[in-house]
C-alpha atoms as a PDB file:
ATOM      1  CA  UNK A   1       6.238  34.315   9.728  1.00  0.00           C
ATOM      2  CA  UNK A   2       9.721  33.170   8.609  1.00  0.00           C
ATOM      3  CA  UNK A   3       9.864  30.427   6.019  1.00  0.00           C
ATOM      4  CA  UNK A   4      10.960  26.951   7.063  1.00  0.00           C
ATOM      5  CA  UNK A   5      13.885  25.302   5.337  1.00  0.00           C
ATOM      6  CA  UNK A   6      14.289  21.706   4.230  1.00  0.00           C
ATOM      7  CA  UNK A   7      17.665  20.438   3.086  1.00  0.00           C
ATOM      8  CA  UNK A   8      17.806  19.903  -0.659  1.00  0.00           C
ATOM      9  CA  UNK A   9      18.614  16.180  -0.448  1.00  0.00           C
ATOM     10  CA  UNK A  10      15.762  15.514   1.989  1.00  0.00           C
ATOM     11  CA  UNK A  11      13.331  17.553  -0.118  1.00  0.00           C
ATOM     12  CA  UNK A  12      14.246  15.652  -3.277  1.00  0.00           C
ATOM     13  CA  UNK A  13      14.031  12.293  -1.499  1.00  0.00           C
ATOM     14  CA  UNK A  14      10.571  12.820  -0.034  1.00  0.00           C
ATOM     15  CA  UNK A  15       9.126  14.521  -3.137  1.00  0.00           C
ATOM     16  CA  UNK A  16       9.960  11.463  -5.266  1.00  0.00           C
ATOM     17  CA  UNK A  17       7.703   8.400  -5.368  1.00  0.00           C
ATOM     18  CA  UNK A  18       8.771   5.194  -3.663  1.00  0.00           C
ATOM     19  CA  UNK A  19       8.318   1.635  -4.919  1.00  0.00           C
ATOM     20  CA  UNK A  20       5.159   1.599  -2.789  1.00  0.00           C
ATOM     21  CA  UNK A  21       3.664   5.015  -3.664  1.00  0.00           C
ATOM     22  CA  UNK A  22       4.431   5.030  -7.403  1.00  0.00           C
ATOM     23  CA  UNK A  23       1.345   4.849  -9.668  1.00  0.00           C
ATOM     24  CA  UNK A  24       3.619   3.368 -12.332  1.00  0.00           C
ATOM     25  CA  UNK A  25       1.650   2.828 -15.559  1.00  0.00           C
ATOM     26  CA  UNK A  26      -1.417   4.493 -14.044  1.00  0.00           C
ATOM     27  CA  UNK A  27       0.190   7.891 -13.604  1.00  0.00           C
ATOM     28  CA  UNK A  28      -2.116   9.324 -16.251  1.00  0.00           C
ATOM     29  CA  UNK A  29      -4.915   9.125 -13.677  1.00  0.00           C
ATOM     30  CA  UNK A  30      -3.227  11.977 -11.813  1.00  0.00           C
ATOM     31  CA  UNK A  31      -3.516  14.440 -14.706  1.00  0.00           C
ATOM     32  CA  UNK A  32      -6.439  16.426 -13.256  1.00  0.00           C
ATOM     33  CA  UNK A  33      -5.514  16.316  -9.585  1.00  0.00           C
ATOM     34  CA  UNK A  34      -5.328  19.642  -7.719  1.00  0.00           C
ATOM     35  CA  UNK A  35      -2.035  20.643  -6.135  1.00  0.00           C
ATOM     36  CA  UNK A  36      -3.453  21.979  -2.864  1.00  0.00           C
ATOM     37  CA  UNK A  37      -2.794  19.659   0.122  1.00  0.00           C
ATOM     38  CA  UNK A  38      -6.271  20.198   1.621  1.00  0.00           C
ATOM     39  CA  UNK A  39      -8.009  19.365  -1.646  1.00  0.00           C
ATOM     40  CA  UNK A  40      -5.790  16.330  -2.239  1.00  0.00           C
ATOM     41  CA  UNK A  41      -6.712  14.955   1.193  1.00  0.00           C
ATOM     42  CA  UNK A  42     -10.405  15.193   0.273  1.00  0.00           C
ATOM     43  CA  UNK A  43      -9.800  13.416  -3.041  1.00  0.00           C
ATOM     44  CA  UNK A  44      -7.988  10.562  -1.289  1.00  0.00           C
ATOM     45  CA  UNK A  45     -10.701  10.293   1.372  1.00  0.00           C
ATOM     46  CA  UNK A  46     -13.488  10.092  -1.232  1.00  0.00           C
ATOM     47  CA  UNK A  47     -11.863   7.116  -2.995  1.00  0.00           C
ATOM     48  CA  UNK A  48     -11.640   4.904   0.095  1.00  0.00           C
ATOM     49  CA  UNK A  49     -13.624   3.613   3.033  1.00  0.00           C
ATOM     50  CA  UNK A  50     -12.042   2.173   6.164  1.00  0.00           C
ATOM     51  CA  UNK A  51     -12.703  -1.460   6.999  1.00  0.00           C
ATOM     52  CA  UNK A  52     -14.483  -0.353  10.177  1.00  0.00           C
ATOM     53  CA  UNK A  53     -16.630   2.388   8.594  1.00  0.00           C
ATOM     54  CA  UNK A  54     -19.350   0.271   7.007  1.00  0.00           C
ATOM     55  CA  UNK A  55     -21.906   1.002   9.702  1.00  0.00           C
ATOM     56  CA  UNK A  56     -20.922   4.681   9.798  1.00  0.00           C
ATOM     57  CA  UNK A  57     -21.773   4.997   6.092  1.00  0.00           C
ATOM     58  CA  UNK A  58     -24.780   2.638   6.315  1.00  0.00           C
ATOM     59  CA  UNK A  59     -23.077   0.152   4.001  1.00  0.00           C
ATOM     60  CA  UNK A  60     -22.465  -3.572   4.333  1.00  0.00           C
ATOM     61  CA  UNK A  61     -18.907  -4.276   3.174  1.00  0.00           C
ATOM     62  CA  UNK A  62     -18.553  -7.630   1.440  1.00  0.00           C
ATOM     63  CA  UNK A  63     -16.315 -10.178   3.141  1.00  0.00           C
ATOM     64  CA  UNK A  64     -14.056 -10.422   0.103  1.00  0.00           C
ATOM     65  CA  UNK A  65     -13.320  -6.683   0.127  1.00  0.00           C
ATOM     66  CA  UNK A  66     -13.101  -6.567   3.907  1.00  0.00           C
ATOM     67  CA  UNK A  67     -10.468  -9.296   3.952  1.00  0.00           C
ATOM     68  CA  UNK A  68      -8.501  -8.627   0.781  1.00  0.00           C
ATOM     69  CA  UNK A  69      -8.443  -4.980  -0.345  1.00  0.00           C
ATOM     70  CA  UNK A  70      -6.070  -3.849   2.405  1.00  0.00           C
ATOM     71  CA  UNK A  71      -3.612  -6.622   1.523  1.00  0.00           C
ATOM     72  CA  UNK A  72      -2.727  -4.504  -1.537  1.00  0.00           C
ATOM     73  CA  UNK A  73       0.771  -3.280  -0.761  1.00  0.00           C
ATOM     74  CA  UNK A  74       1.485  -1.064  -3.744  1.00  0.00           C
ATOM     75  CA  UNK A  75      -0.287   2.057  -4.907  1.00  0.00           C
ATOM     76  CA  UNK A  76      -0.642   0.946  -8.505  1.00  0.00           C
ATOM     77  CA  UNK A  77      -2.617  -2.059  -7.241  1.00  0.00           C
ATOM     78  CA  UNK A  78      -4.835   0.187  -5.123  1.00  0.00           C
ATOM     79  CA  UNK A  79      -5.505   2.451  -8.115  1.00  0.00           C
ATOM     80  CA  UNK A  80      -6.317  -0.541 -10.280  1.00  0.00           C
ATOM     81  CA  UNK A  81      -8.982  -1.691  -7.834  1.00  0.00           C
ATOM     82  CA  UNK A  82     -10.438   1.823  -7.611  1.00  0.00           C
ATOM     83  CA  UNK A  83     -10.821   2.273 -11.376  1.00  0.00           C
ATOM     84  CA  UNK A  84     -12.094  -1.271 -11.901  1.00  0.00           C
ATOM     85  CA  UNK A  85     -15.007  -0.423  -9.611  1.00  0.00           C
ATOM     86  CA  UNK A  86     -15.595   3.004 -11.113  1.00  0.00           C
ATOM     87  CA  UNK A  87     -13.496   4.397 -13.981  1.00  0.00           C
ATOM     88  CA  UNK A  88     -14.491   8.041 -13.405  1.00  0.00           C
ATOM     89  CA  UNK A  89     -11.707  10.594 -12.840  1.00  0.00           C
ATOM     90  CA  UNK A  90     -10.107  10.305  -9.410  1.00  0.00           C
ATOM     91  CA  UNK A  91     -11.466  13.734  -8.511  1.00  0.00           C
ATOM     92  CA  UNK A  92     -15.028  12.343  -8.604  1.00  0.00           C
ATOM     93  CA  UNK A  93     -16.315  11.240  -5.198  1.00  0.00           C
ATOM     94  CA  UNK A  94     -17.176   7.537  -5.181  1.00  0.00           C
ATOM     95  CA  UNK A  95     -20.232   5.971  -3.677  1.00  0.00           C
ATOM     96  CA  UNK A  96     -19.173   3.855  -0.708  1.00  0.00           C
ATOM     97  CA  UNK A  97     -19.846   0.639  -2.619  1.00  0.00           C
ATOM     98  CA  UNK A  98     -17.320   1.647  -5.292  1.00  0.00           C
ATOM     99  CA  UNK A  99     -14.503   2.519  -2.896  1.00  0.00           C
ATOM    100  CA  UNK A 100     -11.324   0.716  -1.974  1.00  0.00           C
ATOM    101  CA  UNK A 101     -11.781  -0.871   1.463  1.00  0.00           C
ATOM    102  CA  UNK A 102      -8.612  -0.080   3.375  1.00  0.00           C
ATOM    103  CA  UNK A 103      -7.069   0.930   6.657  1.00  0.00           C
ATOM    104  CA  UNK A 104      -5.315   4.089   7.816  1.00  0.00           C
ATOM    105  CA  UNK A 105      -2.107   3.155   6.001  1.00  0.00           C
ATOM    106  CA  UNK A 106      -3.931   3.092   2.659  1.00  0.00           C
ATOM    107  CA  UNK A 107      -5.422   6.572   3.098  1.00  0.00           C
ATOM    108  CA  UNK A 108      -1.993   7.858   4.108  1.00  0.00           C
ATOM    109  CA  UNK A 109      -0.188   6.157   1.209  1.00  0.00           C
ATOM    110  CA  UNK A 110      -2.647   7.386  -1.441  1.00  0.00           C
ATOM    111  CA  UNK A 111      -2.474  10.919  -0.050  1.00  0.00           C
ATOM    112  CA  UNK A 112       1.325  10.732   0.122  1.00  0.00           C
ATOM    113  CA  UNK A 113       1.441   9.635  -3.517  1.00  0.00           C
ATOM    114  CA  UNK A 114      -0.757  12.587  -4.536  1.00  0.00           C
ATOM    115  CA  UNK A 115       1.461  15.024  -2.625  1.00  0.00           C
ATOM    116  CA  UNK A 116       4.655  13.650  -4.141  1.00  0.00           C
ATOM    117  CA  UNK A 117       3.100  13.920  -7.589  1.00  0.00           C
ATOM    118  CA  UNK A 118       2.463  17.605  -6.837  1.00  0.00           C
ATOM    119  CA  UNK A 119       6.129  18.024  -5.891  1.00  0.00           C
ATOM    120  CA  UNK A 120       5.402  18.329  -2.171  1.00  0.00           C
ATOM    121  CA  UNK A 121       7.762  16.362   0.101  1.00  0.00           C
ATOM    122  CA  UNK A 122       5.716  13.808   2.016  1.00  0.00           C
ATOM    123  CA  UNK A 123       6.158  10.641   4.050  1.00  0.00           C
ATOM    124  CA  UNK A 124       4.139   8.219   6.154  1.00  0.00           C
ATOM    125  CA  UNK A 125       4.425   8.289   9.956  1.00  0.00           C
ATOM    126  CA  UNK A 126       3.476   5.364  12.165  1.00  0.00           C
ATOM    127  CA  UNK A 127       2.382   5.919  15.744  1.00  0.00           C
ATOM    128  CA  UNK A 128      -0.605   6.178  18.038  1.00  0.00           C
ATOM    129  CA  UNK A 129      -3.690   8.400  17.973  1.00  0.00           C
ATOM    130  CA  UNK A 130      -5.862   9.224  20.981  1.00  0.00           C
ATOM    131  CA  UNK A 131      -8.746  10.697  18.993  1.00  0.00           C
ATOM    132  CA  UNK A 132     -10.585   7.500  17.995  1.00  0.00           C
ATOM    133  CA  UNK A 133     -12.202   7.248  21.405  1.00  0.00           C
ATOM    134  CA  UNK A 134     -12.267   8.948  24.783  1.00  0.00           C
ATOM    135  CA  UNK A 135     -10.963   6.173  27.041  1.00  0.00           C
ATOM    136  CA  UNK A 136      -7.296   7.182  26.987  1.00  0.00           C
ATOM    137  CA  UNK A 137      -6.268   4.358  24.648  1.00  0.00           C
ATOM    138  CA  UNK A 138      -3.737   5.282  21.961  1.00  0.00           C
ATOM    139  CA  UNK A 139      -4.691   3.320  18.864  1.00  0.00           C
ATOM    140  CA  UNK A 140      -2.168   2.142  16.302  1.00  0.00           C
ATOM    141  CA  UNK A 141      -2.463   4.554  13.390  1.00  0.00           C
ATOM    142  CA  UNK A 142      -0.693   5.965  10.334  1.00  0.00           C
ATOM    143  CA  UNK A 143      -0.869   9.525   9.057  1.00  0.00           C
ATOM    144  CA  UNK A 144       0.913  11.519   6.368  1.00  0.00           C
ATOM    145  CA  UNK A 145       3.563  14.088   7.195  1.00  0.00           C
ATOM    146  CA  UNK A 146       4.040  16.735   4.523  1.00  0.00           C
ATOM    147  CA  UNK A 147       6.271  19.770   4.133  1.00  0.00           C
ATOM    148  CA  UNK A 148       4.799  23.237   4.449  1.00  0.00           C
ATOM    149  CA  UNK A 149       7.168  25.974   3.303  1.00  0.00           C
ATOM    150  CA  UNK A 150       6.067  28.292   6.105  1.00  0.00           C
ATOM    151  CA  UNK A 151       5.718  25.930   9.056  1.00  0.00           C
ATOM    152  CA  UNK A 152       7.817  22.863   8.259  1.00  0.00           C
ATOM    153  CA  UNK A 153       6.614  19.277   8.660  1.00  0.00           C
ATOM    154  CA  UNK A 154       2.889  18.956   9.453  1.00  0.00           C
ATOM    155  CA  UNK A 155       0.941  15.837  10.342  1.00  0.00           C
ATOM    156  CA  UNK A 156      -2.195  15.325   8.254  1.00  0.00           C
ATOM    157  CA  UNK A 157      -4.822  12.625   8.695  1.00  0.00           C
ATOM    158  CA  UNK A 158      -6.667  12.147   5.385  1.00  0.00           C
ATOM    159  CA  UNK A 159      -8.976   9.631   7.052  1.00  0.00           C
ATOM    160  CA  UNK A 160     -10.549  12.588   8.878  1.00  0.00           C
ATOM    161  CA  UNK A 161     -11.049  14.654   5.704  1.00  0.00           C
ATOM    162  CA  UNK A 162     -14.743  13.673   5.554  1.00  0.00           C
ATOM    163  CA  UNK A 163     -16.832  15.721   8.030  1.00  0.00           C
ATOM    164  CA  UNK A 164     -18.973  12.639   8.717  1.00  0.00           C
ATOM    165  CA  UNK A 165     -15.888  10.900  10.098  1.00  0.00           C
ATOM    166  CA  UNK A 166     -14.400  13.851  11.969  1.00  0.00           C
ATOM    167  CA  UNK A 167     -17.777  14.717  13.506  1.00  0.00           C
ATOM    168  CA  UNK A 168     -18.354  11.103  14.585  1.00  0.00           C
ATOM    169  CA  UNK A 169     -15.089  11.116  16.504  1.00  0.00           C
ATOM    170  CA  UNK A 170     -15.657  14.683  17.770  1.00  0.00           C
ATOM    171  CA  UNK A 171     -12.363  15.839  16.311  1.00  0.00           C
ATOM    172  CA  UNK A 172     -11.597  19.327  17.617  1.00  0.00           C
ATOM    173  CA  UNK A 173      -8.518  20.113  15.502  1.00  0.00           C
ATOM    174  CA  UNK A 174      -7.652  20.676  11.853  1.00  0.00           C
ATOM    175  CA  UNK A 175      -7.069  17.226  10.262  1.00  0.00           C
ATOM    176  CA  UNK A 176      -4.435  18.878   8.080  1.00  0.00           C
ATOM    177  CA  UNK A 177      -2.462  19.914  11.164  1.00  0.00           C
ATOM    178  CA  UNK A 178      -2.838  17.148  13.729  1.00  0.00           C
ATOM    179  CA  UNK A 179      -1.433  18.240  17.113  1.00  0.00           C
ATOM    180  CA  UNK A 180       1.608  16.194  18.027  1.00  0.00           C
ATOM    181  CA  UNK A 181       0.211  15.434  21.462  1.00  0.00           C
ATOM    182  CA  UNK A 182      -2.859  13.808  19.814  1.00  0.00           C
ATOM    183  CA  UNK A 183      -0.811  11.639  17.462  1.00  0.00           C
ATOM    184  CA  UNK A 184       2.403  10.362  19.030  1.00  0.00           C
ATOM    185  CA  UNK A 185       4.935   9.102  16.525  1.00  0.00           C
ATOM    186  CA  UNK A 186       6.227   5.684  17.596  1.00  0.00           C
ATOM    187  CA  UNK A 187       9.531   6.942  18.971  1.00  0.00           C
ATOM    188  CA  UNK A 188       7.800   9.553  21.117  1.00  0.00           C
ATOM    189  CA  UNK A 189       5.385   6.936  22.476  1.00  0.00           C
ATOM    190  CA  UNK A 190       8.326   4.694  23.350  1.00  0.00           C
ATOM    191  CA  UNK A 191      10.079   7.505  25.194  1.00  0.00           C
ATOM    192  CA  UNK A 192       6.945   8.312  27.213  1.00  0.00           C
ATOM    193  CA  UNK A 193       6.553   4.677  28.247  1.00  0.00           C
ATOM    194  CA  UNK A 194      10.210   4.237  29.179  1.00  0.00           C
ATOM    195  CA  UNK A 195      10.163   7.453  31.223  1.00  0.00           C
ATOM    196  CA  UNK A 196       7.182   6.174  33.197  1.00  0.00           C
ATOM    197  CA  UNK A 197       4.948   8.926  31.843  1.00  0.00           C
ATOM    198  CA  UNK A 198       2.617   6.555  29.964  1.00  0.00           C
ATOM    199  CA  UNK A 199       1.158   3.088  30.520  1.00  0.00           C
ATOM    200  CA  UNK A 200       2.289   0.621  27.814  1.00  0.00           C
ATOM    201  CA  UNK A 201      -1.117  -1.076  28.053  1.00  0.00           C
ATOM    202  CA  UNK A 202      -2.693   2.055  26.524  1.00  0.00           C
ATOM    203  CA  UNK A 203      -0.727   1.741  23.254  1.00  0.00           C
ATOM    204  CA  UNK A 204      -1.809  -0.844  20.710  1.00  0.00           C
ATOM    205  CA  UNK A 205      -4.573  -2.178  18.548  1.00  0.00           C
ATOM    206  CA  UNK A 206      -7.990  -3.770  18.928  1.00  0.00           C
ATOM    207  CA  UNK A 207      -8.196  -6.601  16.398  1.00  0.00           C
ATOM    208  CA  UNK A 208     -11.628  -7.698  15.122  1.00  0.00           C
ATOM    209  CA  UNK A 209     -11.348 -11.283  16.370  1.00  0.00           C
ATOM    210  CA  UNK A 210      -8.278 -11.571  18.586  1.00  0.00           C
ATOM    211  CA  UNK A 211      -8.968  -8.688  20.967  1.00  0.00           C
ATOM    212  CA  UNK A 212      -6.453  -6.052  22.056  1.00  0.00           C
ATOM    213  CA  UNK A 213      -2.721  -6.171  21.376  1.00  0.00           C
ATOM    214  CA  UNK A 214      -0.575  -3.705  23.272  1.00  0.00           C
ATOM    215  CA  UNK A 215       2.660  -3.062  25.120  1.00  0.00           C
ATOM    216  CA  UNK A 216       6.312  -2.232  24.587  1.00  0.00           C
ATOM    217  CA  UNK A 217       6.779  -4.900  21.921  1.00  0.00           C
ATOM    218  CA  UNK A 218       3.927  -3.372  19.910  1.00  0.00           C
ATOM    219  CA  UNK A 219       5.423   0.107  20.140  1.00  0.00           C
ATOM    220  CA  UNK A 220       8.798  -1.330  19.071  1.00  0.00           C
ATOM    221  CA  UNK A 221       7.036  -2.853  16.051  1.00  0.00           C
ATOM    222  CA  UNK A 222       5.673   0.585  15.160  1.00  0.00           C
ATOM    223  CA  UNK A 223       9.159   2.064  15.499  1.00  0.00           C
ATOM    224  CA  UNK A 224      10.390  -0.383  12.842  1.00  0.00           C
ATOM    225  CA  UNK A 225       7.421   0.459  10.610  1.00  0.00           C
ATOM    226  CA  UNK A 226       8.048   4.196  11.092  1.00  0.00           C
ATOM    227  CA  UNK A 227      11.791   3.977  10.436  1.00  0.00           C
ATOM    228  CA  UNK A 228      11.050   2.025   7.259  1.00  0.00           C
ATOM    229  CA  UNK A 229       8.525   4.650   6.122  1.00  0.00           C
ATOM    230  CA  UNK A 230      11.049   7.415   6.800  1.00  0.00           C
ATOM    231  CA  UNK A 231      13.214   5.531   4.305  1.00  0.00           C
ATOM    232  CA  UNK A 232      10.277   5.250   1.849  1.00  0.00           C
ATOM    233  CA  UNK A 233       9.616   1.575   2.535  1.00  0.00           C
ATOM    234  CA  UNK A 234       5.905   1.886   3.295  1.00  0.00           C
ATOM    235  CA  UNK A 235       4.987  -1.665   4.266  1.00  0.00           C
ATOM    236  CA  UNK A 236       1.659  -3.011   5.446  1.00  0.00           C
ATOM    237  CA  UNK A 237       1.133  -2.458   9.155  1.00  0.00           C
ATOM    238  CA  UNK A 238       1.142  -6.188   9.832  1.00  0.00           C
ATOM    239  CA  UNK A 239       4.402  -6.857   7.996  1.00  0.00           C
ATOM    240  CA  UNK A 240       6.902  -7.977  10.652  1.00  0.00           C
ATOM    241  CA  UNK A 241      10.665  -8.395  10.839  1.00  0.00           C
ATOM    242  CA  UNK A 242      13.686  -7.672  12.942  1.00  0.00           C
ATOM    243  CA  UNK A 243      14.713  -7.315  16.563  1.00  0.00           C
ATOM    244  CA  UNK A 244      11.799  -7.719  18.952  1.00  0.00           C
ATOM    245  CA  UNK A 245       9.390  -9.069  16.345  1.00  0.00           C
ATOM    246  CA  UNK A 246       8.727 -12.153  18.474  1.00  0.00           C
ATOM    247  CA  UNK A 247       6.719 -10.243  21.066  1.00  0.00           C
ATOM    248  CA  UNK A 248       7.135  -9.697  24.801  1.00  0.00           C
ATOM    249  CA  UNK A 249       9.609 -12.543  25.248  1.00  0.00           C
ATOM    250  CA  UNK A 250      12.122 -10.752  23.014  1.00  0.00           C
ATOM    251  CA  UNK A 251      11.969  -7.420  24.845  1.00  0.00           C
ATOM    252  CA  UNK A 252      15.227  -7.972  26.738  1.00  0.00           C
ATOM    253  CA  UNK A 253      17.304  -5.208  28.272  1.00  0.00           C
ATOM    254  CA  UNK A 254      19.499  -5.169  25.152  1.00  0.00           C
ATOM    255  CA  UNK A 255      16.473  -4.916  22.873  1.00  0.00           C
ATOM    256  CA  UNK A 256      14.965  -2.100  24.913  1.00  0.00           C
ATOM    257  CA  UNK A 257      18.274  -0.265  24.806  1.00  0.00           C
ATOM    258  CA  UNK A 258      18.281  -0.560  21.004  1.00  0.00           C
ATOM    259  CA  UNK A 259      14.842   1.058  20.867  1.00  0.00           C
ATOM    260  CA  UNK A 260      15.872   3.693  23.398  1.00  0.00           C
ATOM    261  CA  UNK A 261      18.506   4.784  20.911  1.00  0.00           C
ATOM    262  CA  UNK A 262      16.291   4.339  17.848  1.00  0.00           C
ATOM    263  CA  UNK A 263      13.523   6.439  19.406  1.00  0.00           C
ATOM    264  CA  UNK A 264      15.887   9.409  19.404  1.00  0.00           C
ATOM    265  CA  UNK A 265      15.935   9.198  15.593  1.00  0.00           C
ATOM    266  CA  UNK A 266      12.335   8.141  14.979  1.00  0.00           C
ATOM    267  CA  UNK A 267      10.811  11.164  16.689  1.00  0.00           C
ATOM    268  CA  UNK A 268       9.029  14.420  15.811  1.00  0.00           C
ATOM    269  CA  UNK A 269      12.155  16.168  14.546  1.00  0.00           C
ATOM    270  CA  UNK A 270      13.761  13.583  12.299  1.00  0.00           C
ATOM    271  CA  UNK A 271      17.394  14.022  11.334  1.00  0.00           C
ATOM    272  CA  UNK A 272      17.334  12.854   7.717  1.00  0.00           C
ATOM    273  CA  UNK A 273      20.912  11.589   7.545  1.00  0.00           C
ATOM    274  CA  UNK A 274      20.586   9.758  10.866  1.00  0.00           C
ATOM    275  CA  UNK A 275      17.382   8.007   9.773  1.00  0.00           C
ATOM    276  CA  UNK A 276      18.972   6.929   6.503  1.00  0.00           C
ATOM    277  CA  UNK A 277      22.150   5.700   8.215  1.00  0.00           C
ATOM    278  CA  UNK A 278      20.341   3.780  10.954  1.00  0.00           C
ATOM    279  CA  UNK A 279      18.125   1.980   8.454  1.00  0.00           C
ATOM    280  CA  UNK A 280      21.013   1.116   6.150  1.00  0.00           C
ATOM    281  CA  UNK A 281      23.368  -0.149   8.831  1.00  0.00           C
ATOM    282  CA  UNK A 282      21.197  -1.963  11.396  1.00  0.00           C
ATOM    283  CA  UNK A 283      20.055  -5.354  10.165  1.00  0.00           C
ATOM    284  CA  UNK A 284      17.732  -5.763  13.138  1.00  0.00           C
ATOM    285  CA  UNK A 285      15.765  -2.677  12.084  1.00  0.00           C
ATOM    286  CA  UNK A 286      16.047  -2.649   8.287  1.00  0.00           C
ATOM    287  CA  UNK A 287      13.194  -4.186   6.288  1.00  0.00           C
ATOM    288  CA  UNK A 288      14.414  -7.415   4.648  1.00  0.00           C
ATOM    289  CA  UNK A 289      13.477  -8.490   1.165  1.00  0.00           C
ATOM    290  CA  UNK A 290      11.053 -11.065   2.592  1.00  0.00           C
ATOM    291  CA  UNK A 291       8.778 -10.216   5.524  1.00  0.00           C
ATOM    292  CA  UNK A 292       6.349 -12.216   7.609  1.00  0.00           C
ATOM    293  CA  UNK A 293       2.907 -10.747   7.048  1.00  0.00           C
ATOM    294  CA  UNK A 294       0.418 -11.369   9.869  1.00  0.00           C
ATOM    295  CA  UNK A 295      -2.737 -10.507   7.944  1.00  0.00           C
ATOM    296  CA  UNK A 296      -5.630  -9.910  10.372  1.00  0.00           C
ATOM    297  CA  UNK A 297      -8.151 -11.915   8.348  1.00  0.00           C
ATOM    298  CA  UNK A 298      -6.080 -14.091   6.021  1.00  0.00           C
ATOM    299  CA  UNK A 299      -3.449 -15.380   8.412  1.00  0.00           C
ATOM    300  CA  UNK A 300       0.365 -15.366   8.313  1.00  0.00           C
ATOM    301  CA  UNK A 301       2.409 -15.706   5.141  1.00  0.00           C
ATOM    302  CA  UNK A 302       5.892 -14.870   3.941  1.00  0.00           C
ATOM    303  CA  UNK A 303       5.916 -12.127   1.303  1.00  0.00           C
ATOM    304  CA  UNK A 304       8.831 -11.070  -0.890  1.00  0.00           C
ATOM    305  CA  UNK A 305       8.708  -7.341  -1.544  1.00  0.00           C
ATOM    306  CA  UNK A 306       9.310  -5.722  -4.924  1.00  0.00           C
END
């Protein structure tokens, strides 16, 4: 099989830590990590539990952890919580009660940080997965995309790295190589909806108290999140900003046309220079210094990023 090629500037960019993925003063915790992507996914998985996995692991998650852990934007903060609960090496599997209580973004960010530490280009991708149920709904989700020297960019879902989780959801693919028709990056989902090939009501999120949120405006939100992540600004999933952030009422013809064009960049085959240029030059898409965070449990607040 011929080797894939990644441009030197893109490789260097995605192999370096971001402000969000950098362990900062806790980098010494990475000393004994393996450098194999499969093993690193298992390490990340064994340090965290998803907010919605308490029952799956027969554990009652405290309200404080349920509401607050996943508000931790930066990886050094996540690591601090992990070692405060159990100061064993990161390679040691934690009991569920000692784990960081996060969401998909947190698994993906921790795994991405591990990969970058190993010198492997990696980035977060925001989009929609169809494998957390069998009803045809595409749930809002984040995975890690990493560079394989033989095959190019692969999607990996570290949340599935525990057989208990993958078996529960009857996952029939390799979590380290998620098929691109099972996880649609945000731009691809947008294109399918606009072409009439997909129902916008099947793309969104089921919130614990507010019920489902779905539609074109939600997919546009994920496009902004994905474009930011492609530029190594790995925000929380409920951080909002920019054109269309006001919901359905802002999805005018002009706004939809903007996302038609943006979806061509935020797709499976990302043109690095185009993604960098679009983010730098379009104020309606670029993440501002201060975002409105619509925390699911704690309510809205304005947050100034590092």
